[in-house]
């Protein structure tokens, strides 16, 4: 899976399943304040990530994720490391 395909899938599930305004999906957007994701959304987000990208998410993985860019970088790095294994 290419980075572009990963980003397209992320955009798709955030807009469709979490009802995030597509125009707000910019690198510096804060997941909580700008995109409106709350703690319950984070639980759902883990399930969506695991089903879309086939890797397990640990709760501590989210401690350093604040922005949309952080989120995308995290998923891309996990998918790429999984494909190399």
PDB file of N, CA and C in Angstrom:
ATOM      1  N   UNK A   1       0.856  -1.182   0.000  1.00  0.00           N
ATOM      2  CA  UNK A   1       0.000   0.000   0.000  1.00  0.00           C
ATOM      3  C   UNK A   1       0.900   1.243   0.000  1.00  0.00           C
ATOM      4  N   UNK A   2       0.626   2.162  -0.922  1.00  0.00           N
ATOM      5  CA  UNK A   2       1.436   3.379  -1.009  1.00  0.00           C
ATOM      6  C   UNK A   2       0.977   4.392   0.040  1.00  0.00           C
ATOM      7  N   UNK A   3       1.839   5.376   0.299  1.00  0.00           N
ATOM      8  CA  UNK A   3       1.482   6.433   1.250  1.00  0.00           C
ATOM      9  C   UNK A   3       0.241   7.195   0.797  1.00  0.00           C
ATOM     10  N   UNK A   4       0.105   7.396  -0.511  1.00  0.00           N
ATOM     11  CA  UNK A   4      -1.069   8.090  -1.046  1.00  0.00           C
ATOM     12  C   UNK A   4      -2.333   7.289  -0.779  1.00  0.00           C
ATOM     13  N   UNK A   5      -2.273   5.979  -0.955  1.00  0.00           N
ATOM     14  CA  UNK A   5      -3.431   5.125  -0.689  1.00  0.00           C
ATOM     15  C   UNK A   5      -3.795   5.150   0.804  1.00  0.00           C
ATOM     16  N   UNK A   6      -2.779   5.158   1.644  1.00  0.00           N
ATOM     17  CA  UNK A   6      -3.013   5.226   3.089  1.00  0.00           C
ATOM     18  C   UNK A   6      -3.718   6.531   3.440  1.00  0.00           C
ATOM     19  N   UNK A   7      -3.210   7.640   2.919  1.00  0.00           N
ATOM     20  CA  UNK A   7      -3.810   8.956   3.202  1.00  0.00           C
ATOM     21  C   UNK A   7      -5.239   9.035   2.688  1.00  0.00           C
ATOM     22  N   UNK A   8      -5.498   8.479   1.509  1.00  0.00           N
ATOM     23  CA  UNK A   8      -6.858   8.484   0.965  1.00  0.00           C
ATOM     24  C   UNK A   8      -7.803   7.704   1.872  1.00  0.00           C
ATOM     25  N   UNK A   9      -7.341   6.561   2.372  1.00  0.00           N
ATOM     26  CA  UNK A   9      -8.172   5.744   3.248  1.00  0.00           C
ATOM     27  C   UNK A   9      -8.442   6.474   4.575  1.00  0.00           C
ATOM     28  N   UNK A  10      -7.429   7.144   5.108  1.00  0.00           N
ATOM     29  CA  UNK A  10      -7.597   7.912   6.353  1.00  0.00           C
ATOM     30  C   UNK A  10      -8.641   9.005   6.149  1.00  0.00           C
ATOM     31  N   UNK A  11      -8.492   9.773   5.068  1.00  0.00           N
ATOM     32  CA  UNK A  11      -9.466  10.831   4.757  1.00  0.00           C
ATOM     33  C   UNK A  11     -10.865  10.244   4.671  1.00  0.00           C
ATOM     34  N   UNK A  12     -10.973   9.128   3.966  1.00  0.00           N
ATOM     35  CA  UNK A  12     -12.276   8.511   3.741  1.00  0.00           C
ATOM     36  C   UNK A  12     -12.957   8.123   5.054  1.00  0.00           C
ATOM     37  N   UNK A  13     -12.256   7.429   5.950  1.00  0.00           N
ATOM     38  CA  UNK A  13     -12.941   6.989   7.167  1.00  0.00           C
ATOM     39  C   UNK A  13     -13.170   8.121   8.155  1.00  0.00           C
ATOM     40  N   UNK A  14     -12.310   9.142   8.152  1.00  0.00           N
ATOM     41  CA  UNK A  14     -12.570  10.270   9.054  1.00  0.00           C
ATOM     42  C   UNK A  14     -13.808  11.049   8.615  1.00  0.00           C
ATOM     43  N   UNK A  15     -13.971  11.211   7.318  1.00  0.00           N
ATOM     44  CA  UNK A  15     -15.125  11.953   6.791  1.00  0.00           C
ATOM     45  C   UNK A  15     -16.405  11.122   6.920  1.00  0.00           C
ATOM     46  N   UNK A  16     -16.340   9.863   6.526  1.00  0.00           N
ATOM     47  CA  UNK A  16     -17.550   9.037   6.495  1.00  0.00           C
ATOM     48  C   UNK A  16     -17.979   8.528   7.872  1.00  0.00           C
ATOM     49  N   UNK A  17     -17.033   8.008   8.637  1.00  0.00           N
ATOM     50  CA  UNK A  17     -17.403   7.374   9.901  1.00  0.00           C
ATOM     51  C   UNK A  17     -17.377   8.322  11.099  1.00  0.00           C
ATOM     52  N   UNK A  18     -16.554   9.357  11.033  1.00  0.00           N
ATOM     53  CA  UNK A  18     -16.438  10.274  12.160  1.00  0.00           C
ATOM     54  C   UNK A  18     -17.012  11.653  11.857  1.00  0.00           C
ATOM     55  N   UNK A  19     -17.554  11.794  10.643  1.00  0.00           N
ATOM     56  CA  UNK A  19     -18.206  13.025  10.210  1.00  0.00           C
ATOM     57  C   UNK A  19     -17.339  14.268  10.367  1.00  0.00           C
ATOM     58  N   UNK A  20     -16.042  14.100  10.077  1.00  0.00           N
ATOM     59  CA  UNK A  20     -15.104  15.224  10.107  1.00  0.00           C
ATOM     60  C   UNK A  20     -15.243  15.963   8.783  1.00  0.00           C
ATOM     61  N   UNK A  21     -15.268  17.288   8.853  1.00  0.00           N
ATOM     62  CA  UNK A  21     -15.336  18.115   7.654  1.00  0.00           C
ATOM     63  C   UNK A  21     -14.026  17.942   6.874  1.00  0.00           C
ATOM     64  N   UNK A  22     -14.105  17.504   5.634  1.00  0.00           N
ATOM     65  CA  UNK A  22     -12.919  17.229   4.809  1.00  0.00           C
ATOM     66  C   UNK A  22     -11.999  18.443   4.704  1.00  0.00           C
ATOM     67  N   UNK A  23     -12.565  19.634   4.729  1.00  0.00           N
ATOM     68  CA  UNK A  23     -11.758  20.856   4.622  1.00  0.00           C
ATOM     69  C   UNK A  23     -10.881  21.075   5.852  1.00  0.00           C
ATOM     70  N   UNK A  24     -11.232  20.446   6.961  1.00  0.00           N
ATOM     71  CA  UNK A  24     -10.445  20.592   8.193  1.00  0.00           C
ATOM     72  C   UNK A  24      -9.274  19.617   8.256  1.00  0.00           C
ATOM     73  N   UNK A  25      -9.197  18.691   7.312  1.00  0.00           N
ATOM     74  CA  UNK A  25      -8.126  17.696   7.312  1.00  0.00           C
ATOM     75  C   UNK A  25      -6.850  18.282   6.714  1.00  0.00           C
ATOM     76  N   UNK A  26      -6.221  19.132   7.496  1.00  0.00           N
ATOM     77  CA  UNK A  26      -4.950  19.755   7.121  1.00  0.00           C
ATOM     78  C   UNK A  26      -3.900  19.286   8.125  1.00  0.00           C
ATOM     79  N   UNK A  27      -2.630  19.278   7.736  1.00  0.00           N
ATOM     80  CA  UNK A  27      -1.590  18.713   8.599  1.00  0.00           C
ATOM     81  C   UNK A  27      -1.575  19.240  10.034  1.00  0.00           C
ATOM     82  N   UNK A  28      -1.787  20.533  10.218  1.00  0.00           N
ATOM     83  CA  UNK A  28      -1.682  21.124  11.555  1.00  0.00           C
ATOM     84  C   UNK A  28      -2.964  21.007  12.392  1.00  0.00           C
ATOM     85  N   UNK A  29      -4.016  20.427  11.839  1.00  0.00           N
ATOM     86  CA  UNK A  29      -5.292  20.306  12.558  1.00  0.00           C
ATOM     87  C   UNK A  29      -5.125  19.424  13.794  1.00  0.00           C
ATOM     88  N   UNK A  30      -5.580  19.941  14.934  1.00  0.00           N
ATOM     89  CA  UNK A  30      -5.538  19.185  16.178  1.00  0.00           C
ATOM     90  C   UNK A  30      -6.700  18.194  16.167  1.00  0.00           C
ATOM     91  N   UNK A  31      -6.410  16.944  16.520  1.00  0.00           N
ATOM     92  CA  UNK A  31      -7.444  15.903  16.455  1.00  0.00           C
ATOM     93  C   UNK A  31      -8.615  16.210  17.380  1.00  0.00           C
ATOM     94  N   UNK A  32      -8.331  16.722  18.561  1.00  0.00           N
ATOM     95  CA  UNK A  32      -9.404  16.980  19.529  1.00  0.00           C
ATOM     96  C   UNK A  32     -10.101  18.305  19.249  1.00  0.00           C
ATOM     97  N   UNK A  33      -9.335  19.408  19.238  1.00  0.00           N
ATOM     98  CA  UNK A  33      -9.957  20.722  19.110  1.00  0.00           C
ATOM     99  C   UNK A  33     -10.493  21.002  17.707  1.00  0.00           C
ATOM    100  N   UNK A  34      -9.678  20.785  16.693  1.00  0.00           N
ATOM    101  CA  UNK A  34     -10.079  21.147  15.338  1.00  0.00           C
ATOM    102  C   UNK A  34     -11.014  20.116  14.707  1.00  0.00           C
ATOM    103  N   UNK A  35     -10.677  18.840  14.875  1.00  0.00           N
ATOM    104  CA  UNK A  35     -11.474  17.795  14.232  1.00  0.00           C
ATOM    105  C   UNK A  35     -12.608  17.288  15.106  1.00  0.00           C
ATOM    106  N   UNK A  36     -12.609  17.675  16.378  1.00  0.00           N
ATOM    107  CA  UNK A  36     -13.717  17.344  17.261  1.00  0.00           C
ATOM    108  C   UNK A  36     -13.775  15.895  17.722  1.00  0.00           C
ATOM    109  N   UNK A  37     -12.647  15.203  17.713  1.00  0.00           N
ATOM    110  CA  UNK A  37     -12.634  13.811  18.173  1.00  0.00           C
ATOM    111  C   UNK A  37     -12.505  13.781  19.695  1.00  0.00           C
ATOM    112  N   UNK A  38     -13.348  12.986  20.346  1.00  0.00           N
ATOM    113  CA  UNK A  38     -13.281  12.873  21.797  1.00  0.00           C
ATOM    114  C   UNK A  38     -12.770  11.488  22.193  1.00  0.00           C
ATOM    115  N   UNK A  39     -12.747  11.208  23.494  1.00  0.00           N
ATOM    116  CA  UNK A  39     -12.173   9.946  23.962  1.00  0.00           C
ATOM    117  C   UNK A  39     -12.932   8.729  23.431  1.00  0.00           C
ATOM    118  N   UNK A  40     -14.245   8.837  23.280  1.00  0.00           N
ATOM    119  CA  UNK A  40     -15.006   7.722  22.700  1.00  0.00           C
ATOM    120  C   UNK A  40     -14.664   7.528  21.222  1.00  0.00           C
ATOM    121  N   UNK A  41     -14.438   8.630  20.528  1.00  0.00           N
ATOM    122  CA  UNK A  41     -14.026   8.544  19.126  1.00  0.00           C
ATOM    123  C   UNK A  41     -12.680   7.838  19.000  1.00  0.00           C
ATOM    124  N   UNK A  42     -11.798   8.073  19.969  1.00  0.00           N
ATOM    125  CA  UNK A  42     -10.480   7.440  19.932  1.00  0.00           C
ATOM    126  C   UNK A  42     -10.610   5.919  20.021  1.00  0.00           C
ATOM    127  N   UNK A  43     -11.535   5.445  20.823  1.00  0.00           N
ATOM    128  CA  UNK A  43     -11.766   4.000  20.932  1.00  0.00           C
ATOM    129  C   UNK A  43     -12.239   3.454  19.586  1.00  0.00           C
ATOM    130  N   UNK A  44     -13.198   4.145  18.988  1.00  0.00           N
ATOM    131  CA  UNK A  44     -13.686   3.731  17.664  1.00  0.00           C
ATOM    132  C   UNK A  44     -12.582   3.826  16.612  1.00  0.00           C
ATOM    133  N   UNK A  45     -11.748   4.848  16.752  1.00  0.00           N
ATOM    134  CA  UNK A  45     -10.656   5.059  15.809  1.00  0.00           C
ATOM    135  C   UNK A  45      -9.680   3.879  15.827  1.00  0.00           C
ATOM    136  N   UNK A  46      -9.403   3.348  17.008  1.00  0.00           N
ATOM    137  CA  UNK A  46      -8.518   2.186  17.126  1.00  0.00           C
ATOM    138  C   UNK A  46      -9.099   1.014  16.331  1.00  0.00           C
ATOM    139  N   UNK A  47     -10.394   0.772  16.486  1.00  0.00           N
ATOM    140  CA  UNK A  47     -11.050  -0.324  15.769  1.00  0.00           C
ATOM    141  C   UNK A  47     -10.962  -0.100  14.256  1.00  0.00           C
ATOM    142  N   UNK A  48     -11.220   1.119  13.824  1.00  0.00           N
ATOM    143  CA  UNK A  48     -11.184   1.430  12.386  1.00  0.00           C
ATOM    144  C   UNK A  48      -9.767   1.282  11.836  1.00  0.00           C
ATOM    145  N   UNK A  49      -8.779   1.746  12.575  1.00  0.00           N
ATOM    146  CA  UNK A  49      -7.383   1.612  12.128  1.00  0.00           C
ATOM    147  C   UNK A  49      -7.027   0.137  11.992  1.00  0.00           C
ATOM    148  N   UNK A  50      -7.350  -0.643  13.029  1.00  0.00           N
ATOM    149  CA  UNK A  50      -7.005  -2.063  13.010  1.00  0.00           C
ATOM    150  C   UNK A  50      -7.689  -2.805  11.859  1.00  0.00           C
ATOM    151  N   UNK A  51      -8.928  -2.455  11.563  1.00  0.00           N
ATOM    152  CA  UNK A  51      -9.626  -3.149  10.472  1.00  0.00           C
ATOM    153  C   UNK A  51      -9.176  -2.680   9.093  1.00  0.00           C
ATOM    154  N   UNK A  52      -8.784  -1.421   8.969  1.00  0.00           N
ATOM    155  CA  UNK A  52      -8.353  -0.887   7.674  1.00  0.00           C
ATOM    156  C   UNK A  52      -6.905  -1.215   7.334  1.00  0.00           C
ATOM    157  N   UNK A  53      -6.055  -1.279   8.368  1.00  0.00           N
ATOM    158  CA  UNK A  53      -4.621  -1.399   8.104  1.00  0.00           C
ATOM    159  C   UNK A  53      -3.990  -2.667   8.686  1.00  0.00           C
ATOM    160  N   UNK A  54      -4.784  -3.500   9.347  1.00  0.00           N
ATOM    161  CA  UNK A  54      -4.350  -4.819   9.835  1.00  0.00           C
ATOM    162  C   UNK A  54      -3.122  -4.782  10.740  1.00  0.00           C
ATOM    163  N   UNK A  55      -3.113  -3.855  11.690  1.00  0.00           N
ATOM    164  CA  UNK A  55      -2.112  -3.900  12.752  1.00  0.00           C
ATOM    165  C   UNK A  55      -2.782  -3.501  14.055  1.00  0.00           C
ATOM    166  N   UNK A  56      -2.219  -3.971  15.160  1.00  0.00           N
ATOM    167  CA  UNK A  56      -2.769  -3.678  16.485  1.00  0.00           C
ATOM    168  C   UNK A  56      -2.271  -2.324  16.969  1.00  0.00           C
ATOM    169  N   UNK A  57      -3.174  -1.547  17.531  1.00  0.00           N
ATOM    170  CA  UNK A  57      -2.839  -0.240  18.087  1.00  0.00           C
ATOM    171  C   UNK A  57      -2.782  -0.370  19.604  1.00  0.00           C
ATOM    172  N   UNK A  58      -1.707   0.134  20.186  1.00  0.00           N
ATOM    173  CA  UNK A  58      -1.591   0.146  21.637  1.00  0.00           C
ATOM    174  C   UNK A  58      -2.026   1.527  22.128  1.00  0.00           C
ATOM    175  N   UNK A  59      -2.709   1.614  23.262  1.00  0.00           N
ATOM    176  CA  UNK A  59      -3.156   2.923  23.764  1.00  0.00           C
ATOM    177  C   UNK A  59      -2.016   3.935  23.904  1.00  0.00           C
ATOM    178  N   UNK A  60      -0.849   3.463  24.310  1.00  0.00           N
ATOM    179  CA  UNK A  60       0.280   4.385  24.485  1.00  0.00           C
ATOM    180  C   UNK A  60       0.779   4.965  23.162  1.00  0.00           C
ATOM    181  N   UNK A  61       0.416   4.343  22.037  1.00  0.00           N
ATOM    182  CA  UNK A  61       0.804   4.879  20.731  1.00  0.00           C
ATOM    183  C   UNK A  61       0.201   6.269  20.496  1.00  0.00           C
ATOM    184  N   UNK A  62      -0.930   6.532  21.133  1.00  0.00           N
ATOM    185  CA  UNK A  62      -1.621   7.800  20.907  1.00  0.00           C
ATOM    186  C   UNK A  62      -1.101   8.943  21.783  1.00  0.00           C
ATOM    187  N   UNK A  63      -0.203   8.666  22.703  1.00  0.00           N
ATOM    188  CA  UNK A  63       0.254   9.726  23.614  1.00  0.00           C
ATOM    189  C   UNK A  63       0.992  10.854  22.897  1.00  0.00           C
ATOM    190  N   UNK A  64       1.676  10.541  21.805  1.00  0.00           N
ATOM    191  CA  UNK A  64       2.422  11.567  21.078  1.00  0.00           C
ATOM    192  C   UNK A  64       1.692  12.081  19.842  1.00  0.00           C
ATOM    193  N   UNK A  65       0.448  11.672  19.664  1.00  0.00           N
ATOM    194  CA  UNK A  65      -0.310  12.091  18.488  1.00  0.00           C
ATOM    195  C   UNK A  65      -1.252  13.225  18.868  1.00  0.00           C
ATOM    196  N   UNK A  66      -0.997  14.397  18.307  1.00  0.00           N
ATOM    197  CA  UNK A  66      -1.849  15.553  18.594  1.00  0.00           C
ATOM    198  C   UNK A  66      -2.501  16.100  17.329  1.00  0.00           C
ATOM    199  N   UNK A  67      -1.749  16.087  16.233  1.00  0.00           N
ATOM    200  CA  UNK A  67      -2.249  16.693  14.997  1.00  0.00           C
ATOM    201  C   UNK A  67      -2.596  15.629  13.961  1.00  0.00           C
ATOM    202  N   UNK A  68      -3.303  16.069  12.944  1.00  0.00           N
ATOM    203  CA  UNK A  68      -3.647  15.180  11.835  1.00  0.00           C
ATOM    204  C   UNK A  68      -2.374  14.633  11.189  1.00  0.00           C
ATOM    205  N   UNK A  69      -1.342  15.471  11.065  1.00  0.00           N
ATOM    206  CA  UNK A  69      -0.064  15.021  10.490  1.00  0.00           C
ATOM    207  C   UNK A  69       0.568  13.930  11.350  1.00  0.00           C
ATOM    208  N   UNK A  70       0.554  14.116  12.684  1.00  0.00           N
ATOM    209  CA  UNK A  70       1.080  13.084  13.594  1.00  0.00           C
ATOM    210  C   UNK A  70       0.350  11.763  13.370  1.00  0.00           C
ATOM    211  N   UNK A  71      -0.963  11.855  13.255  1.00  0.00           N
ATOM    212  CA  UNK A  71      -1.814  10.676  13.065  1.00  0.00           C
ATOM    213  C   UNK A  71      -1.466   9.956  11.768  1.00  0.00           C
ATOM    214  N   UNK A  72      -1.358  10.711  10.684  1.00  0.00           N
ATOM    215  CA  UNK A  72      -1.020  10.126   9.381  1.00  0.00           C
ATOM    216  C   UNK A  72       0.377   9.511   9.411  1.00  0.00           C
ATOM    217  N   UNK A  73       1.339  10.225   9.991  1.00  0.00           N
ATOM    218  CA  UNK A  73       2.714   9.718  10.078  1.00  0.00           C
ATOM    219  C   UNK A  73       2.756   8.409  10.855  1.00  0.00           C
ATOM    220  N   UNK A  74       1.999   8.339  11.942  1.00  0.00           N
ATOM    221  CA  UNK A  74       1.951   7.123  12.761  1.00  0.00           C
ATOM    222  C   UNK A  74       1.446   5.939  11.930  1.00  0.00           C
ATOM    223  N   UNK A  75       0.332   6.121  11.244  1.00  0.00           N
ATOM    224  CA  UNK A  75      -0.243   5.021  10.464  1.00  0.00           C
ATOM    225  C   UNK A  75       0.693   4.616   9.329  1.00  0.00           C
ATOM    226  N   UNK A  76       1.243   5.587   8.622  1.00  0.00           N
ATOM    227  CA  UNK A  76       2.165   5.292   7.521  1.00  0.00           C
ATOM    228  C   UNK A  76       3.375   4.510   8.029  1.00  0.00           C
ATOM    229  N   UNK A  77       3.946   4.931   9.146  1.00  0.00           N
ATOM    230  CA  UNK A  77       5.133   4.235   9.652  1.00  0.00           C
ATOM    231  C   UNK A  77       4.799   2.819  10.095  1.00  0.00           C
ATOM    232  N   UNK A  78       3.634   2.629  10.718  1.00  0.00           N
ATOM    233  CA  UNK A  78       3.236   1.287  11.151  1.00  0.00           C
ATOM    234  C   UNK A  78       2.946   0.381   9.948  1.00  0.00           C
ATOM    235  N   UNK A  79       2.267   0.894   8.947  1.00  0.00           N
ATOM    236  CA  UNK A  79       1.965   0.084   7.757  1.00  0.00           C
ATOM    237  C   UNK A  79       3.267  -0.271   7.042  1.00  0.00           C
ATOM    238  N   UNK A  80       4.150   0.700   6.882  1.00  0.00           N
ATOM    239  CA  UNK A  80       5.409   0.447   6.186  1.00  0.00           C
ATOM    240  C   UNK A  80       6.302  -0.538   6.947  1.00  0.00           C
ATOM    241  N   UNK A  81       6.341  -0.435   8.269  1.00  0.00           N
ATOM    242  CA  UNK A  81       7.173  -1.365   9.043  1.00  0.00           C
ATOM    243  C   UNK A  81       6.578  -2.777   9.004  1.00  0.00           C
ATOM    244  N   UNK A  82       5.253  -2.867   8.956  1.00  0.00           N
ATOM    245  CA  UNK A  82       4.585  -4.170   8.859  1.00  0.00           C
ATOM    246  C   UNK A  82       4.883  -4.824   7.510  1.00  0.00           C
ATOM    247  N   UNK A  83       4.911  -4.016   6.452  1.00  0.00           N
ATOM    248  CA  UNK A  83       5.156  -4.556   5.116  1.00  0.00           C
ATOM    249  C   UNK A  83       6.599  -4.992   4.948  1.00  0.00           C
ATOM    250  N   UNK A  84       7.505  -4.375   5.701  1.00  0.00           N
ATOM    251  CA  UNK A  84       8.919  -4.752   5.615  1.00  0.00           C
ATOM    252  C   UNK A  84       9.208  -6.030   6.392  1.00  0.00           C
ATOM    253  N   UNK A  85       8.350  -6.338   7.350  1.00  0.00           N
ATOM    254  CA  UNK A  85       8.591  -7.510   8.209  1.00  0.00           C
ATOM    255  C   UNK A  85       8.312  -8.809   7.498  1.00  0.00           C
TER     256      UNK A  85
END
